[in-house]
Amino acid sequence: MDESRAVADGGTGTGDTPRPVGASGPDGATRAGTVRSRRPLIALLVGVALLVLAVDQLSKYLVVRDLRPGETVSLISGVLRLNLTRNPGAAFSMATGMTWIFTVIAIAVAVLIARISTRLGSRWWALALGLLLGGAVGNLTDRLFREPGFARGHVVDFIEYQKFPFMDFPVFNAADSCIVCSAVLIALLGLRGIGLDGSRLTDQASAAGKAPAAGKAPAADQAPAADQRADG
């Protein structure tokens, strides 16, 4: 009778304290804590992306308003100047004539970053992905809404190095710069072995190496017990 009453009240019928409806166990509490700890990182990623997008679109608006195509304005004499151009290709005027392909790629990059952002555990990764997302969306905005048509628009480029070592550097924009900075930062994080969740790959490898040894310990403890049973 007591046992059935305990079950009816939400317990297990074995003397356990009834758990309130809606209460979460240790795993649920851990997941909730993880989600809360990642919110600032996601906010950092989104904030950086929005800042990059704002700077990119504002700078393009001002250049298009004040410069004519082919007109140049010197910023650092003989080194750096503004030169308004329209780019139908990828970053730094590469692969022109394939605008729609890069539109699809930019959308895919944005969706991928949105998906993996839930695994963030590092401020540096949040910064890198924010730069990449902002740069990708900045150029995507041009491709979607600028001439000659939807998803085929030409990207506005306007920053030109006149004397760059070893190469004739192509004209670029603020979004391109952020994409390159993101790539460099991601490469550095990879070289240092810092994962997306903030863990170091060296720590994971050492933990994996200790796991087999820990797994063998119970077998060694069970051996004397087996001998005792055999003697008995």
Foldseek 3Di string as FASTA:
>chain_A
DVLVVQVVVQHDSPPDDHDDPPDDDPVVVVVVVLQVLLPVLLVLLQVLLVVLLVVQVVVLVVCVVPDDAQDWADDDPQFKIWHKDWAQDDFLNPPGPPQLVLLVVLVVLLVVLVVCSSLAADNLLSNLNSLLNNLSVNQNVQCQPAPPHGSRGTGIFIMATNDDPPDRGGTGTSSSVSNVVSVVSVVVCVVQQQDRSRDRPVVVVVVVVCVVVVVCVVVVVCVVVVVVVVVD
